[in-house]
Amino acid sequence: MHVSLTEKLEDYVRQKVASGLYNNASEVIREALRLKIAAEESDEARLQRLRDAIDIGWEQAERGEFAEYSLEKSLAKLRAEG
């Protein structure tokens, strides 16, 4: 496999290898890919938790378990208090 990098990314990889943290460029790239995969999995998990919470909210609303809310009234109350 051949991968092309921008000059900026090549410099970054070279710096990491030169720092002694990695033995070669392949190690830097593998670590970067592992971190990217972990971030995507974390993003997907957060998104799923949000979807689950929204579903719960919709179910509660359908059962009539909600409170009326007015942004205008809340802002007016804050202005009156402060």
N, C-alpha and C. Protein backbone atom coordinates (compact mmCIF):
# COMPACT_ATOMS: atom_id res chain seq x y z
N MET A 1 0.86 -1.18 0.00
CA MET A 1 0.00 0.00 0.00
C MET A 1 0.90 1.23 0.00
N HIS A 2 0.48 2.19 -0.78
CA HIS A 2 1.22 3.45 -0.85
C HIS A 2 0.27 4.57 -0.42
N VAL A 3 0.76 5.42 0.46
CA VAL A 3 -0.05 6.51 0.97
C VAL A 3 0.67 7.82 0.69
N SER A 4 -0.04 8.77 0.13
CA SER A 4 0.53 10.09 -0.13
C SER A 4 0.10 11.05 0.97
N LEU A 5 1.06 11.80 1.49
CA LEU A 5 0.77 12.78 2.54
C LEU A 5 1.14 14.17 2.05
N THR A 6 0.48 15.15 2.62
CA THR A 6 0.86 16.52 2.33
C THR A 6 2.22 16.79 2.98
N GLU A 7 2.86 17.84 2.56
CA GLU A 7 4.17 18.18 3.12
C GLU A 7 4.07 18.41 4.63
N LYS A 8 2.98 19.05 5.05
CA LYS A 8 2.78 19.31 6.47
C LYS A 8 2.68 18.00 7.26
N LEU A 9 1.91 17.04 6.73
CA LEU A 9 1.77 15.77 7.42
C LEU A 9 3.09 14.97 7.41
N GLU A 10 3.80 15.03 6.30
CA GLU A 10 5.11 14.36 6.25
C GLU A 10 6.05 14.93 7.30
N ASP A 11 6.06 16.26 7.44
CA ASP A 11 6.90 16.89 8.46
C ASP A 11 6.50 16.43 9.85
N TYR A 12 5.21 16.33 10.11
CA TYR A 12 4.71 15.89 11.40
C TYR A 12 5.20 14.47 11.70
N VAL A 13 5.05 13.60 10.73
CA VAL A 13 5.48 12.21 10.91
C VAL A 13 6.98 12.16 11.17
N ARG A 14 7.75 12.90 10.40
CA ARG A 14 9.21 12.93 10.61
C ARG A 14 9.56 13.42 12.02
N GLN A 15 8.85 14.45 12.48
CA GLN A 15 9.11 14.98 13.82
C GLN A 15 8.83 13.94 14.89
N LYS A 16 7.75 13.19 14.73
CA LYS A 16 7.41 12.16 15.71
C LYS A 16 8.46 11.06 15.74
N VAL A 17 8.93 10.65 14.58
CA VAL A 17 9.98 9.64 14.53
C VAL A 17 11.27 10.19 15.14
N ALA A 18 11.60 11.43 14.80
CA ALA A 18 12.82 12.06 15.33
C ALA A 18 12.77 12.23 16.84
N SER A 19 11.56 12.36 17.38
CA SER A 19 11.43 12.54 18.83
C SER A 19 11.79 11.28 19.61
N GLY A 20 11.82 10.16 18.91
CA GLY A 20 12.12 8.90 19.57
C GLY A 20 10.89 8.18 20.10
N LEU A 21 9.72 8.80 19.96
CA LEU A 21 8.50 8.16 20.43
C LEU A 21 8.09 7.00 19.53
N TYR A 22 8.51 7.05 18.29
CA TYR A 22 8.18 6.01 17.31
C TYR A 22 9.46 5.58 16.60
N ASN A 23 9.49 4.32 16.19
CA ASN A 23 10.67 3.80 15.49
C ASN A 23 10.67 4.14 14.02
N ASN A 24 9.48 4.32 13.44
CA ASN A 24 9.42 4.61 12.01
C ASN A 24 8.07 5.26 11.68
N ALA A 25 7.96 5.68 10.42
CA ALA A 25 6.75 6.39 9.97
C ALA A 25 5.52 5.50 10.05
N SER A 26 5.68 4.21 9.79
CA SER A 26 4.54 3.30 9.84
C SER A 26 3.90 3.27 11.23
N GLU A 27 4.72 3.31 12.27
CA GLU A 27 4.18 3.33 13.63
C GLU A 27 3.36 4.58 13.88
N VAL A 28 3.81 5.71 13.37
CA VAL A 28 3.09 6.98 13.55
C VAL A 28 1.73 6.89 12.85
N ILE A 29 1.74 6.39 11.62
CA ILE A 29 0.50 6.30 10.85
C ILE A 29 -0.46 5.30 11.49
N ARG A 30 0.05 4.16 11.95
CA ARG A 30 -0.83 3.17 12.60
C ARG A 30 -1.48 3.76 13.86
N GLU A 31 -0.68 4.47 14.65
CA GLU A 31 -1.22 5.09 15.86
C GLU A 31 -2.28 6.13 15.52
N ALA A 32 -2.03 6.92 14.49
CA ALA A 32 -3.00 7.93 14.07
C ALA A 32 -4.31 7.27 13.64
N LEU A 33 -4.20 6.18 12.91
CA LEU A 33 -5.41 5.48 12.47
C LEU A 33 -6.16 4.85 13.63
N ARG A 34 -5.42 4.29 14.60
CA ARG A 34 -6.09 3.73 15.79
C ARG A 34 -6.85 4.81 16.54
N LEU A 35 -6.25 5.98 16.68
CA LEU A 35 -6.91 7.09 17.38
C LEU A 35 -8.14 7.57 16.61
N LYS A 36 -8.04 7.63 15.29
CA LYS A 36 -9.17 8.06 14.46
C LYS A 36 -10.32 7.07 14.59
N ILE A 37 -10.02 5.79 14.57
CA ILE A 37 -11.06 4.76 14.71
C ILE A 37 -11.72 4.87 16.08
N ALA A 38 -10.93 5.06 17.13
CA ALA A 38 -11.48 5.19 18.48
C ALA A 38 -12.38 6.42 18.58
N ALA A 39 -11.95 7.52 17.96
CA ALA A 39 -12.76 8.75 18.00
C ALA A 39 -14.08 8.54 17.28
N GLU A 40 -14.05 7.88 16.12
CA GLU A 40 -15.29 7.63 15.38
C GLU A 40 -16.22 6.72 16.17
N GLU A 41 -15.67 5.70 16.83
CA GLU A 41 -16.50 4.82 17.64
C GLU A 41 -17.10 5.57 18.81
N SER A 42 -16.31 6.46 19.41
CA SER A 42 -16.80 7.27 20.52
C SER A 42 -17.90 8.21 20.05
N ASP A 43 -17.70 8.83 18.89
CA ASP A 43 -18.73 9.72 18.33
C ASP A 43 -20.02 8.95 18.07
N GLU A 44 -19.90 7.75 17.52
CA GLU A 44 -21.08 6.94 17.23
C GLU A 44 -21.80 6.56 18.52
N ALA A 45 -21.05 6.23 19.56
CA ALA A 45 -21.66 5.87 20.84
C ALA A 45 -22.40 7.07 21.43
N ARG A 46 -21.80 8.27 21.37
CA ARG A 46 -22.47 9.47 21.87
C ARG A 46 -23.73 9.77 21.07
N LEU A 47 -23.64 9.60 19.77
CA LEU A 47 -24.80 9.84 18.93
C LEU A 47 -25.91 8.85 19.26
N GLN A 48 -25.57 7.61 19.50
CA GLN A 48 -26.58 6.62 19.85
C GLN A 48 -27.23 6.95 21.19
N ARG A 49 -26.44 7.41 22.19
CA ARG A 49 -27.02 7.80 23.48
C ARG A 49 -27.98 8.97 23.29
N LEU A 50 -27.63 9.91 22.43
CA LEU A 50 -28.51 11.04 22.15
C LEU A 50 -29.80 10.57 21.49
N ARG A 51 -29.68 9.68 20.51
CA ARG A 51 -30.88 9.14 19.86
C ARG A 51 -31.77 8.42 20.87
N ASP A 52 -31.15 7.64 21.76
CA ASP A 52 -31.92 6.93 22.78
C ASP A 52 -32.66 7.90 23.69
N ALA A 53 -31.99 8.98 24.09
CA ALA A 53 -32.62 9.98 24.96
C ALA A 53 -33.77 10.68 24.24
N ILE A 54 -33.59 10.96 22.97
CA ILE A 54 -34.66 11.59 22.19
C ILE A 54 -35.86 10.65 22.09
N ASP A 55 -35.59 9.38 21.85
CA ASP A 55 -36.68 8.40 21.78
C ASP A 55 -37.46 8.36 23.09
N ILE A 56 -36.75 8.38 24.20
CA ILE A 56 -37.41 8.38 25.51
C ILE A 56 -38.28 9.63 25.66
N GLY A 57 -37.75 10.77 25.24
CA GLY A 57 -38.51 12.01 25.30
C GLY A 57 -39.78 11.97 24.46
N TRP A 58 -39.66 11.43 23.26
CA TRP A 58 -40.84 11.31 22.40
C TRP A 58 -41.88 10.39 23.03
N GLU A 59 -41.43 9.28 23.59
CA GLU A 59 -42.36 8.35 24.24
C GLU A 59 -43.07 9.04 25.41
N GLN A 60 -42.33 9.82 26.19
CA GLN A 60 -42.95 10.52 27.32
C GLN A 60 -43.96 11.55 26.82
N ALA A 61 -43.61 12.25 25.76
CA ALA A 61 -44.53 13.26 25.21
C ALA A 61 -45.79 12.60 24.68
N GLU A 62 -45.64 11.46 24.02
CA GLU A 62 -46.81 10.75 23.50
C GLU A 62 -47.73 10.29 24.63
N ARG A 63 -47.17 10.02 25.82
CA ARG A 63 -47.99 9.62 26.97
C ARG A 63 -48.52 10.84 27.72
N GLY A 64 -48.18 12.03 27.25
CA GLY A 64 -48.64 13.25 27.91
C GLY A 64 -47.80 13.65 29.10
N GLU A 65 -46.62 13.07 29.20
CA GLU A 65 -45.72 13.37 30.33
C GLU A 65 -44.74 14.47 29.93
N PHE A 66 -45.27 15.68 29.86
CA PHE A 66 -44.41 16.81 29.52
C PHE A 66 -44.94 18.05 30.21
N ALA A 67 -44.11 19.06 30.23
CA ALA A 67 -44.50 20.32 30.85
C ALA A 67 -44.48 21.40 29.77
N GLU A 68 -45.42 22.29 29.85
CA GLU A 68 -45.44 23.43 28.93
C GLU A 68 -44.22 24.30 29.21
N TYR A 69 -43.64 24.82 28.18
CA TYR A 69 -42.45 25.66 28.35
C TYR A 69 -42.53 26.80 27.36
N SER A 70 -42.16 27.97 27.85
CA SER A 70 -42.13 29.14 26.99
C SER A 70 -40.79 29.84 27.17
N LEU A 71 -40.03 29.92 26.13
CA LEU A 71 -38.74 30.60 26.19
C LEU A 71 -38.95 32.08 26.52
N GLU A 72 -39.97 32.67 25.92
CA GLU A 72 -40.24 34.09 26.17
C GLU A 72 -40.53 34.35 27.65
N LYS A 73 -41.35 33.48 28.25
CA LYS A 73 -41.68 33.65 29.67
C LYS A 73 -40.44 33.45 30.55
N SER A 74 -39.61 32.50 30.19
CA SER A 74 -38.39 32.26 30.97
C SER A 74 -37.45 33.44 30.89
N LEU A 75 -37.29 34.00 29.69
CA LEU A 75 -36.43 35.17 29.53
C LEU A 75 -36.97 36.37 30.28
N ALA A 76 -38.28 36.55 30.23
CA ALA A 76 -38.91 37.65 30.96
C ALA A 76 -38.68 37.51 32.46
N LYS A 77 -38.79 36.29 32.94
CA LYS A 77 -38.58 36.04 34.37
C LYS A 77 -37.13 36.34 34.75
N LEU A 78 -36.18 35.94 33.91
CA LEU A 78 -34.77 36.22 34.20
C LEU A 78 -34.51 37.72 34.21
N ARG A 79 -35.10 38.44 33.25
CA ARG A 79 -34.91 39.89 33.20
C ARG A 79 -35.48 40.56 34.45
N ALA A 80 -36.63 40.08 34.89
CA ALA A 80 -37.27 40.65 36.08
C ALA A 80 -36.44 40.40 37.33
N GLU A 81 -35.77 39.23 37.38
CA GLU A 81 -34.98 38.90 38.54
C GLU A 81 -33.64 39.63 38.58
N GLY A 82 -33.14 39.98 37.41
CA GLY A 82 -31.78 40.44 37.44
C GLY A 82 -31.47 41.73 36.89
